[in-house]
């Protein structure tokens, strides 16, 4: 168990994503499908904080175009330890556009890894409703 933030900095990305996935499964197990994305985001944020992970929500994603910073209102759902972006969905089916959105956020922010999760499913399935995306 992590005792303080210093221990967290020694955690590699695999350990970090493992903890995030554990929190995702816990939220899905508790709430099930059919709720709004905002409910899942709040519950997941709570679980991540309970796991002593530094979490920011609704973080702005700036777009730089020709050396001009465009403030367009893009927001990533959850940023964990300034390393992993988590995008929360509650949709019928994940589409390529959802994956592309997260990949674009990774590129714009310079982050290496993201997790896309669709909570609106009966069972979370790797590479279908919970997808790890690498930049």
Protein backbone atom coordinates (compact mmCIF):
# COMPACT_ATOMS: atom_id res chain seq x y z
CA UNK A 1 0.00 0.00 0.00
CA UNK A 2 1.22 3.49 -0.82
CA UNK A 3 2.05 5.51 2.21
CA UNK A 4 2.70 8.91 0.70
CA UNK A 5 3.07 10.83 -2.55
CA UNK A 6 6.81 10.05 -2.70
CA UNK A 7 6.02 6.33 -3.03
CA UNK A 8 3.60 7.16 -5.82
CA UNK A 9 6.31 8.82 -7.90
CA UNK A 10 8.18 5.53 -7.92
CA UNK A 11 5.15 3.77 -9.34
CA UNK A 12 5.56 2.89 -13.00
CA UNK A 13 2.84 3.36 -15.57
CA UNK A 14 1.82 -0.31 -15.49
CA UNK A 15 1.27 -0.18 -11.72
CA UNK A 16 -0.59 3.11 -12.06
CA UNK A 17 -2.89 1.85 -14.82
CA UNK A 18 -3.47 -1.34 -12.81
CA UNK A 19 -4.71 0.74 -9.87
CA UNK A 20 -6.88 2.87 -12.17
CA UNK A 21 -8.42 -0.23 -13.75
CA UNK A 22 -9.13 -1.63 -10.29
CA UNK A 23 -11.00 1.56 -9.41
CA UNK A 24 -12.93 1.38 -12.70
CA UNK A 25 -14.02 -2.20 -12.00
CA UNK A 26 -15.03 -1.26 -8.45
CA UNK A 27 -17.22 1.61 -9.68
CA UNK A 28 -18.82 -0.52 -12.39
CA UNK A 29 -19.45 -3.37 -9.97
CA UNK A 30 -21.10 -1.00 -7.52
CA UNK A 31 -23.16 1.18 -9.88
CA UNK A 32 -23.73 -0.98 -12.96
CA UNK A 33 -24.68 0.43 -16.37
CA UNK A 34 -27.27 3.05 -17.28
CA UNK A 35 -26.18 6.21 -15.47
CA UNK A 36 -24.83 9.52 -16.77
CA UNK A 37 -21.12 9.94 -17.48
CA UNK A 38 -20.93 12.59 -14.78
CA UNK A 39 -21.99 10.06 -12.12
CA UNK A 40 -19.31 7.57 -13.19
CA UNK A 41 -16.70 10.34 -13.37
CA UNK A 42 -17.50 11.50 -9.82
CA UNK A 43 -17.50 7.94 -8.45
CA UNK A 44 -14.25 7.06 -10.23
CA UNK A 45 -12.62 10.25 -8.99
CA UNK A 46 -13.64 9.32 -5.45
CA UNK A 47 -12.20 5.78 -5.79
CA UNK A 48 -8.93 7.07 -7.23
CA UNK A 49 -8.58 9.55 -4.38
CA UNK A 50 -9.32 6.74 -1.88
CA UNK A 51 -6.38 4.90 -3.47
CA UNK A 52 -4.16 7.93 -2.66
CA UNK A 53 -3.74 8.83 -6.31
CA UNK A 54 -3.46 12.52 -7.25
CA UNK A 55 -6.46 13.30 -9.44
CA UNK A 56 -7.63 16.31 -11.43
CA UNK A 57 -10.97 16.45 -13.22
CA UNK A 58 -12.20 18.38 -16.24
CA UNK A 59 -8.69 19.53 -17.12
CA UNK A 60 -8.47 21.95 -20.04
CA UNK A 61 -6.73 20.73 -23.17
CA UNK A 62 -5.20 23.66 -25.05
CA UNK A 63 -4.70 23.54 -28.79
CA UNK A 64 -1.64 25.26 -30.26
CA UNK A 65 -2.01 26.31 -33.87
CA UNK A 66 0.72 28.29 -35.62
CA UNK A 67 2.19 29.23 -32.22
CA UNK A 68 -1.20 30.56 -31.07
CA UNK A 69 -2.83 28.95 -28.04
CA UNK A 70 -6.50 28.38 -28.84
CA UNK A 71 -8.79 28.07 -25.83
CA UNK A 72 -11.56 25.94 -27.27
CA UNK A 73 -13.04 24.35 -24.19
CA UNK A 74 -11.72 20.83 -24.75
CA UNK A 75 -11.63 19.03 -21.39
CA UNK A 76 -10.25 15.66 -20.43
CA UNK A 77 -12.40 13.89 -17.85
CA UNK A 78 -9.74 12.71 -15.38
CA UNK A 79 -5.97 13.13 -15.16
CA UNK A 80 -4.25 10.77 -12.72
CA UNK A 81 -0.81 11.63 -11.30
CA UNK A 82 -0.24 14.00 -14.23
CA UNK A 83 0.45 10.85 -16.29
CA UNK A 84 -2.71 9.00 -17.31
CA UNK A 85 -5.78 10.47 -18.98
CA UNK A 86 -9.04 8.65 -18.26
CA UNK A 87 -11.97 9.34 -20.56
CA UNK A 88 -15.32 8.23 -19.19
CA UNK A 89 -18.20 7.28 -21.49
CA UNK A 90 -21.69 5.95 -20.93
CA UNK A 91 -22.76 5.12 -24.48
CA UNK A 92 -24.39 2.28 -26.38
CA UNK A 93 -21.11 1.38 -28.12
CA UNK A 94 -17.61 2.87 -28.20
CA UNK A 95 -16.74 4.11 -31.68
CA UNK A 96 -13.44 4.97 -33.33
CA UNK A 97 -14.16 8.67 -32.72
CA UNK A 98 -13.98 8.06 -28.96
CA UNK A 99 -10.55 6.43 -29.34
CA UNK A 100 -9.38 9.22 -31.64
CA UNK A 101 -10.53 11.86 -29.14
CA UNK A 102 -8.41 10.31 -26.39
CA UNK A 103 -5.42 9.86 -28.70
CA UNK A 104 -5.70 13.52 -29.70
CA UNK A 105 -5.79 14.56 -26.02
CA UNK A 106 -2.66 12.46 -25.43
CA UNK A 107 -0.87 14.12 -28.36
CA UNK A 108 -1.94 17.65 -27.38
CA UNK A 109 -0.84 17.20 -23.77
CA UNK A 110 2.27 15.10 -24.40
CA UNK A 111 0.97 12.33 -22.13
CA UNK A 112 1.90 8.75 -23.00
CA UNK A 113 -1.10 6.71 -21.91
CA UNK A 114 -4.85 6.94 -21.63
CA UNK A 115 -7.72 4.71 -20.62
CA UNK A 116 -11.08 4.88 -22.37
CA UNK A 117 -13.92 3.27 -20.45
CA UNK A 118 -17.57 2.75 -21.33
CA UNK A 119 -19.58 2.15 -18.16
CA UNK A 120 -22.83 1.51 -20.07
CA UNK A 121 -22.20 -2.22 -20.47
CA UNK A 122 -23.31 -5.30 -18.55
CA UNK A 123 -19.69 -6.44 -18.12
CA UNK A 124 -16.43 -4.55 -18.61
CA UNK A 125 -14.38 -6.30 -21.29
CA UNK A 126 -10.73 -5.57 -22.17
CA UNK A 127 -10.27 -3.92 -25.56
CA UNK A 128 -14.04 -3.46 -25.94
CA UNK A 129 -15.39 -1.38 -23.05
CA UNK A 130 -12.08 -0.62 -21.33
CA UNK A 131 -9.33 0.34 -23.75
CA UNK A 132 -5.75 1.36 -23.05
CA UNK A 133 -4.43 3.83 -25.63
CA UNK A 134 -0.74 4.63 -25.99
CA UNK A 135 0.62 7.77 -27.63
